[in-house]
Each structure stands twice: as C-alpha cells, then as structure tokens.
Amino acid sequence: MNPTVLRRQSGFSLIEMLVVLIILGVIAAFALPMYQDYLEKGQLADAKTAAVKLRQELEAARLARPRAFQTRAQFQAEYDNAKNAAIQGKIKSQYRFTETILPVGNNARPNGFSMEIKPVKTSNKYGLRVTQGGDVLRCPHKNGNLADEAACERF
C-alpha cells in the first residue's frame, strides 16, 4: 500500500449539513403556523361543543323549572349551574366564557343570553360569540378582545 495516497473519509461535509439545516428550517417555517392553526381550530370546536351543551343544559332547566327564571338573580344562578355542568376539563383553562343576560337592565325580565368565548392565550387568532338565537360565530381575537359581529363568520 502506498503511504502517500490519502484515505477517503466518509461522512457529511459542513456544507451538506448546512444545506440540510436550511431546508429543515424552511419546512418548519411553513409547517409550524399551519400546525398551530390546526390545533386552534380543534380547540375552538371543543369550545363550541361546550357552548352548545351549556345552552342545552339551560334550556332543559328552563323547561323543567320555568319559575326558576323569573328574576335576573334566578336566571344567573341557573346559568351558573348549567355552566358548571357543561364546561369541564381543558376548556375551562383554555377559554373564558362570559355571558350577557338579555334584555340588559336590572328590572327587565330575562328571556335569554348571549355569550363571548375568549381564548386565555393572547396569541390565539380567534374566539367565539354565541348569539341569543344560538348562532355560533368565529371572531378575530386581538389584544384580549373579540371583533364586532360584522367581522365574524359562522362557525
């Protein structure tokens, strides 16, 4: 064997490694936001399910005990009971459910409610609104606030 002949080394060169890392970085730059949007849509679907269940619980209580909905305080107590029954698990920590008993006013006899469902994370792009009629709207979420209904879409 000739000692002057250099042995060929196997493995990757630094340039090859850098090219692979750049390609992986570009793929991650596109895939990560898409994955986060996918997760957020799933969480919104779970929040919508909880909101629908809350509405059903409240309507069942209203049919079973119509006299328990005469005053705002009674309506609020029934709403809180239905909320505790319907909203459980991860949804409690991921979203805040805020109701507005309608019509607004201290002496007005309550006849329904609307709801805002805001994400706890400020980085989430969307939240939900539930109208008095039961429609669920997906609304843009910025700085802890949901956009007006005009900017929302059915979900």
C-alpha atoms as a PDB file:
ATOM      1  CA  MET A   1       0.000   0.000   0.000  1.00  0.00           C
ATOM      2  CA  ASN A   2       1.297   3.422  -0.914  1.00  0.00           C
ATOM      3  CA  PRO A   3       1.533   5.740   2.148  1.00  0.00           C
ATOM      4  CA  THR A   4       1.258   8.878   0.009  1.00  0.00           C
ATOM      5  CA  VAL A   5      -2.274   8.024  -1.088  1.00  0.00           C
ATOM      6  CA  LEU A   6      -4.760   9.731   1.198  1.00  0.00           C
ATOM      7  CA  ARG A   7      -7.562   7.682   2.614  1.00  0.00           C
ATOM      8  CA  ARG A   8     -11.019   8.802   1.578  1.00  0.00           C
ATOM      9  CA  GLN A   9     -13.029   9.868   4.599  1.00  0.00           C
ATOM     10  CA  SER A  10     -16.706   9.021   4.720  1.00  0.00           C
ATOM     11  CA  GLY A  11     -19.377  11.290   6.236  1.00  0.00           C
ATOM     12  CA  PHE A  12     -21.008  14.641   5.546  1.00  0.00           C
ATOM     13  CA  SER A  13     -19.240  17.867   4.816  1.00  0.00           C
ATOM     14  CA  LEU A  14     -20.086  21.052   6.647  1.00  0.00           C
ATOM     15  CA  ILE A  15     -21.755  22.474   3.528  1.00  0.00           C
ATOM     16  CA  GLU A  16     -24.007  19.438   3.179  1.00  0.00           C
ATOM     17  CA  MET A  17     -25.064  19.732   6.828  1.00  0.00           C
ATOM     18  CA  LEU A  18     -25.827  23.451   6.407  1.00  0.00           C
ATOM     19  CA  VAL A  19     -27.943  22.784   3.320  1.00  0.00           C
ATOM     20  CA  VAL A  20     -29.962  20.148   5.191  1.00  0.00           C
ATOM     21  CA  LEU A  21     -30.459  22.502   8.157  1.00  0.00           C
ATOM     22  CA  ILE A  22     -31.620  25.325   5.865  1.00  0.00           C
ATOM     23  CA  ILE A  23     -34.117  23.013   4.154  1.00  0.00           C
ATOM     24  CA  LEU A  24     -35.446  21.839   7.532  1.00  0.00           C
ATOM     25  CA  GLY A  25     -35.738  25.450   8.692  1.00  0.00           C
ATOM     26  CA  VAL A  26     -37.779  26.426   5.635  1.00  0.00           C
ATOM     27  CA  ILE A  27     -40.080  23.430   6.086  1.00  0.00           C
ATOM     28  CA  ALA A  28     -40.545  24.254   9.787  1.00  0.00           C
ATOM     29  CA  ALA A  29     -41.286  27.899   8.971  1.00  0.00           C
ATOM     30  CA  PHE A  30     -44.259  26.795   6.849  1.00  0.00           C
ATOM     31  CA  ALA A  31     -45.391  23.781   8.867  1.00  0.00           C
ATOM     32  CA  LEU A  32     -45.415  25.259  12.392  1.00  0.00           C
ATOM     33  CA  PRO A  33     -48.006  28.022  11.765  1.00  0.00           C
ATOM     34  CA  MET A  34     -50.218  25.547   9.896  1.00  0.00           C
ATOM     35  CA  TYR A  35     -49.971  23.108  12.809  1.00  0.00           C
ATOM     36  CA  GLN A  36     -50.808  25.845  15.327  1.00  0.00           C
ATOM     37  CA  ASP A  37     -53.862  26.856  13.267  1.00  0.00           C
ATOM     38  CA  TYR A  38     -54.924  23.208  13.165  1.00  0.00           C
ATOM     39  CA  LEU A  39     -54.674  22.973  16.967  1.00  0.00           C
ATOM     40  CA  GLU A  40     -56.595  26.220  17.447  1.00  0.00           C
ATOM     41  CA  LYS A  41     -59.426  25.026  15.186  1.00  0.00           C
ATOM     42  CA  GLY A  42     -59.707  21.871  17.275  1.00  0.00           C
ATOM     43  CA  GLN A  43     -59.816  23.870  20.494  1.00  0.00           C
ATOM     44  CA  LEU A  44     -62.460  26.196  19.021  1.00  0.00           C
ATOM     45  CA  ALA A  45     -64.540  23.170  18.040  1.00  0.00           C
ATOM     46  CA  ASP A  46     -64.305  21.913  21.636  1.00  0.00           C
ATOM     47  CA  ALA A  47     -65.352  25.346  22.942  1.00  0.00           C
ATOM     48  CA  LYS A  48     -68.297  25.385  20.531  1.00  0.00           C
ATOM     49  CA  THR A  49     -69.368  21.943  21.739  1.00  0.00           C
ATOM     50  CA  ALA A  50     -69.214  23.164  25.350  1.00  0.00           C
ATOM     51  CA  ALA A  51     -71.249  26.281  24.457  1.00  0.00           C
ATOM     52  CA  VAL A  52     -73.925  24.197  22.725  1.00  0.00           C
ATOM     53  CA  LYS A  53     -74.035  21.848  25.711  1.00  0.00           C
ATOM     54  CA  LEU A  54     -74.365  24.857  28.055  1.00  0.00           C
ATOM     55  CA  ARG A  55     -77.286  26.176  26.010  1.00  0.00           C
ATOM     56  CA  GLN A  56     -78.958  22.751  26.072  1.00  0.00           C
ATOM     57  CA  GLU A  57     -78.470  22.434  29.841  1.00  0.00           C
ATOM     58  CA  LEU A  58     -80.018  25.852  30.386  1.00  0.00           C
ATOM     59  CA  GLU A  59     -82.974  25.152  28.094  1.00  0.00           C
ATOM     60  CA  ALA A  60     -83.600  21.817  29.828  1.00  0.00           C
ATOM     61  CA  ALA A  61     -83.583  23.592  33.208  1.00  0.00           C
ATOM     62  CA  ARG A  62     -85.932  26.271  31.845  1.00  0.00           C
ATOM     63  CA  LEU A  63     -88.397  23.618  30.655  1.00  0.00           C
ATOM     64  CA  ALA A  64     -88.158  21.669  33.911  1.00  0.00           C
ATOM     65  CA  ARG A  65     -88.386  24.699  36.240  1.00  0.00           C
ATOM     66  CA  PRO A  66     -89.901  27.707  34.464  1.00  0.00           C
ATOM     67  CA  ARG A  67     -90.479  29.584  37.722  1.00  0.00           C
ATOM     68  CA  ALA A  68     -86.746  29.487  38.443  1.00  0.00           C
ATOM     69  CA  PHE A  69     -86.172  32.006  35.646  1.00  0.00           C
ATOM     70  CA  GLN A  70     -88.362  34.884  36.871  1.00  0.00           C
ATOM     71  CA  THR A  71     -85.611  37.282  38.009  1.00  0.00           C
ATOM     72  CA  ARG A  72     -82.083  38.104  36.893  1.00  0.00           C
ATOM     73  CA  ALA A  73     -80.620  36.572  40.056  1.00  0.00           C
ATOM     74  CA  GLN A  74     -82.508  33.327  39.479  1.00  0.00           C
ATOM     75  CA  PHE A  75     -81.510  33.282  35.808  1.00  0.00           C
ATOM     76  CA  GLN A  76     -77.867  33.905  36.775  1.00  0.00           C
ATOM     77  CA  ALA A  77     -77.952  31.065  39.325  1.00  0.00           C
ATOM     78  CA  GLU A  78     -79.417  28.658  36.759  1.00  0.00           C
ATOM     79  CA  TYR A  79     -76.891  29.802  34.171  1.00  0.00           C
ATOM     80  CA  ASP A  80     -74.014  29.212  36.617  1.00  0.00           C
ATOM     81  CA  ASN A  81     -75.298  25.701  37.379  1.00  0.00           C
ATOM     82  CA  ALA A  82     -75.563  24.882  33.672  1.00  0.00           C
ATOM     83  CA  LYS A  83     -72.112  26.385  33.051  1.00  0.00           C
ATOM     84  CA  ASN A  84     -70.539  24.218  35.759  1.00  0.00           C
ATOM     85  CA  ALA A  85     -72.179  21.122  34.264  1.00  0.00           C
ATOM     86  CA  ALA A  86     -71.298  21.880  30.637  1.00  0.00           C
ATOM     87  CA  ILE A  87     -67.817  23.392  30.756  1.00  0.00           C
ATOM     88  CA  GLN A  88     -65.256  20.992  32.112  1.00  0.00           C
ATOM     89  CA  GLY A  89     -61.736  19.756  31.503  1.00  0.00           C
ATOM     90  CA  LYS A  90     -59.240  21.588  29.329  1.00  0.00           C
ATOM     91  CA  ILE A  91     -61.826  24.028  28.003  1.00  0.00           C
ATOM     92  CA  LYS A  92     -62.008  25.727  31.426  1.00  0.00           C
ATOM     93  CA  SER A  93     -58.303  26.538  31.263  1.00  0.00           C
ATOM     94  CA  GLN A  94     -58.209  27.437  27.544  1.00  0.00           C
ATOM     95  CA  TYR A  95     -61.224  29.756  27.246  1.00  0.00           C
ATOM     96  CA  ARG A  96     -63.181  32.272  29.298  1.00  0.00           C
ATOM     97  CA  PHE A  97     -66.955  32.151  28.934  1.00  0.00           C
ATOM     98  CA  THR A  98     -68.673  35.489  29.570  1.00  0.00           C
ATOM     99  CA  GLU A  99     -72.454  35.772  29.418  1.00  0.00           C
ATOM    100  CA  THR A 100     -74.736  38.738  28.910  1.00  0.00           C
ATOM    101  CA  ILE A 101     -78.238  38.160  30.217  1.00  0.00           C
ATOM    102  CA  LEU A 102     -80.787  39.715  27.883  1.00  0.00           C
ATOM    103  CA  PRO A 103     -82.508  42.085  27.887  1.00  0.00           C
ATOM    104  CA  VAL A 104     -79.960  44.231  29.670  1.00  0.00           C
ATOM    105  CA  GLY A 105     -81.248  46.141  32.678  1.00  0.00           C
ATOM    106  CA  ASN A 106     -81.804  45.439  36.356  1.00  0.00           C
ATOM    107  CA  ASN A 107     -85.602  45.322  36.266  1.00  0.00           C
ATOM    108  CA  ALA A 108     -86.017  43.620  32.890  1.00  0.00           C
ATOM    109  CA  ARG A 109     -87.301  40.042  32.996  1.00  0.00           C
ATOM    110  CA  PRO A 110     -84.596  37.837  31.460  1.00  0.00           C
ATOM    111  CA  ASN A 111     -85.513  35.909  28.347  1.00  0.00           C
ATOM    112  CA  GLY A 112     -82.141  34.688  27.092  1.00  0.00           C
ATOM    113  CA  PHE A 113     -78.438  35.317  26.922  1.00  0.00           C
ATOM    114  CA  SER A 114     -75.546  35.842  24.568  1.00  0.00           C
ATOM    115  CA  MET A 115     -72.011  34.718  25.222  1.00  0.00           C
ATOM    116  CA  GLU A 116     -68.418  35.585  24.381  1.00  0.00           C
ATOM    117  CA  ILE A 117     -65.824  32.850  24.461  1.00  0.00           C
ATOM    118  CA  LYS A 118     -62.351  34.379  24.569  1.00  0.00           C
ATOM    119  CA  PRO A 119     -59.121  32.390  24.496  1.00  0.00           C
ATOM    120  CA  VAL A 120     -56.859  32.694  27.506  1.00  0.00           C
ATOM    121  CA  LYS A 121     -53.785  32.797  25.257  1.00  0.00           C
ATOM    122  CA  THR A 122     -53.386  36.180  23.638  1.00  0.00           C
ATOM    123  CA  SER A 123     -51.608  34.520  20.698  1.00  0.00           C
ATOM    124  CA  ASN A 124     -54.804  32.755  19.567  1.00  0.00           C
ATOM    125  CA  LYS A 125     -56.299  34.317  16.463  1.00  0.00           C
ATOM    126  CA  TYR A 126     -59.977  33.548  17.097  1.00  0.00           C
ATOM    127  CA  GLY A 127     -62.670  33.461  19.731  1.00  0.00           C
ATOM    128  CA  LEU A 128     -66.392  32.692  19.588  1.00  0.00           C
ATOM    129  CA  ARG A 129     -69.628  34.596  20.036  1.00  0.00           C
ATOM    130  CA  VAL A 130     -72.925  32.855  20.708  1.00  0.00           C
ATOM    131  CA  THR A 131     -75.931  34.982  19.819  1.00  0.00           C
ATOM    132  CA  GLN A 132     -79.233  34.929  21.663  1.00  0.00           C
ATOM    133  CA  GLY A 133     -80.671  32.864  18.817  1.00  0.00           C
ATOM    134  CA  GLY A 134     -77.975  30.212  19.286  1.00  0.00           C
ATOM    135  CA  ASP A 135     -75.774  31.037  16.290  1.00  0.00           C
ATOM    136  CA  VAL A 136     -72.070  30.453  16.883  1.00  0.00           C
ATOM    137  CA  LEU A 137     -69.734  32.954  15.227  1.00  0.00           C
ATOM    138  CA  ARG A 138     -65.952  32.754  14.916  1.00  0.00           C
ATOM    139  CA  CYS A 139     -64.496  36.205  15.519  1.00  0.00           C
ATOM    140  CA  PRO A 140     -60.963  37.574  15.201  1.00  0.00           C
ATOM    141  CA  HIS A 141     -59.271  37.986  18.587  1.00  0.00           C
ATOM    142  CA  LYS A 142     -56.794  40.811  19.189  1.00  0.00           C
ATOM    143  CA  ASN A 143     -55.470  42.320  22.401  1.00  0.00           C
ATOM    144  CA  GLY A 144     -57.870  40.284  24.541  1.00  0.00           C
ATOM    145  CA  ASN A 145     -60.987  41.477  22.669  1.00  0.00           C
ATOM    146  CA  LEU A 146     -63.217  39.910  20.074  1.00  0.00           C
ATOM    147  CA  ALA A 147     -64.095  41.779  16.899  1.00  0.00           C
ATOM    148  CA  ASP A 148     -67.617  43.098  16.316  1.00  0.00           C
ATOM    149  CA  GLU A 149     -70.214  40.716  14.931  1.00  0.00           C
ATOM    150  CA  ALA A 150     -69.859  42.293  11.481  1.00  0.00           C
ATOM    151  CA  ALA A 151     -66.297  40.927  11.262  1.00  0.00           C
ATOM    152  CA  CYS A 152     -67.311  37.434  12.402  1.00  0.00           C
ATOM    153  CA  GLU A 153     -68.254  34.381  10.370  1.00  0.00           C
ATOM    154  CA  ARG A 154     -70.499  31.403  11.148  1.00  0.00           C
ATOM    155  CA  PHE A 155     -68.666  28.509  12.735  1.00  0.00           C
END
